[in-house]
Amino acid sequence: MYIARIDGLHVIKRMPLSGRDHDPACPSYEPPYELSGLGSLIGNAIQIDGSGKAALKLDFPLTKKRAGSAPASSTVASEPALRNETRKLSLRAVLHYLWEAGELTEWRSSWAGKRGWGRVRTSLMNAASQMTARGAPLSDILFVPEVFHQQEREGIASRRAAALAPAHTSSSGPRKLMITVAEVKEFTASRDGQKIVVRHLPFPFMIEERTWKRLSARYETEMELWRSSEDFHLTMIATFGISGAGIASIEELAIMVVNENWIPFESMQEQHLLERLSRLKRKSVKGLRFNLSREQPIVSVTLPEQRPAPVAMFIVPPGAGEDFEKALTEMIETRPEITPWIWRVAEGEMPQLP
């Protein structure tokens, strides 16, 4: 641990990258990076300095060439076609890192009813304030809508206009793009594509029809999960710009489904596990994929406060092959100090919790 001075206050902080070396009973303990998709990114796509600030290397553009220029890169998120898993972050991986750094992957029963969009937004913006991208603070280009309150509409509108100023089209040069993280309310058809209506904003984001079709196919599982229950939320991360006419248009987009506690999940089996754990007083920490594909195992949930040793909980999906099982075995063997808990879905119901 060390003492840092932040905004005139002295704060006790954990030394960067030392979370896994703390005792599990210590509040500063973190599950090992190797158990999630974060392991291959630390030191490569994510470089953390001595002050704890993280420099992010992105695999998507933050500018767009104007009409008549050479074609820009693909207009859809690139995580499924990962040519370089460790050197740069996909758009989805940035969303996962914001969620993890904002401690939104953590949960205990005493927090029930206390995490809404306002708290999520604060956590995301605080996390972004400790990150840089392309040499500039990530918080300068990250737009997360404020919770709308009718009695504060004028102040909210003023702050929103100031925050969105960098996204407006300039008179010359490439268009600058911003990044938004928001909760999707609905998708509706437009004349030439789709409108994405997000909560707490008075305007939609526009997306081209061909991009929408690819998005629908790529995120079919997430869309199916979101539509299965009114309790679930669909979060999106997107790069966007605002035209001279004031229209916000998306360039690249990734989505993630979260439960009522804003914890991400990938399947109903995983949501069932999270629901069981949400009733417990002990802390649980959700693992995320970042750049990894669904064909690779990650820890679903870690129980860092379990005694006599932390527990890593794995879910093996139906149809998982030998490569998946081999990678899972290797992952478990690299962290012998952690007790594995494995649910092989094809073999039946969830095993008894630790």
Foldseek 3Di string as FASTA:
>chain_A
DDWDADPNDIDDDDFPPCQCVDALVDPSHDNDCLQAQSNLADVAQWDADRVRFTEGAAPADQWAADPPDPHDDALEWDLVVDPDSHHHFTLVLVVVQLCVLLVLQKAFQVCPPPDDLQSVVVSSLVSQQRYHYPRHRLSLQEDEQHQDDPVCVVVSVVVNCVSQVQQEADPDDTGGKGKYKFWFDDWDDDPAAIWTDTPRDPATEGEGNVNVVVQCVVCVQQVVVPVVDPQKIKMKMFIWHAYPVGHIYTRYMDIFIAGNSRHTDRDVLLVVVVVVRNHHRFMKGAHHHRSHDPLEWHFGIWRSPDPPAIEGETEAEPPRDPVNVVNVVVSCVVCVRYHYHYHDVVVHDHDDDD
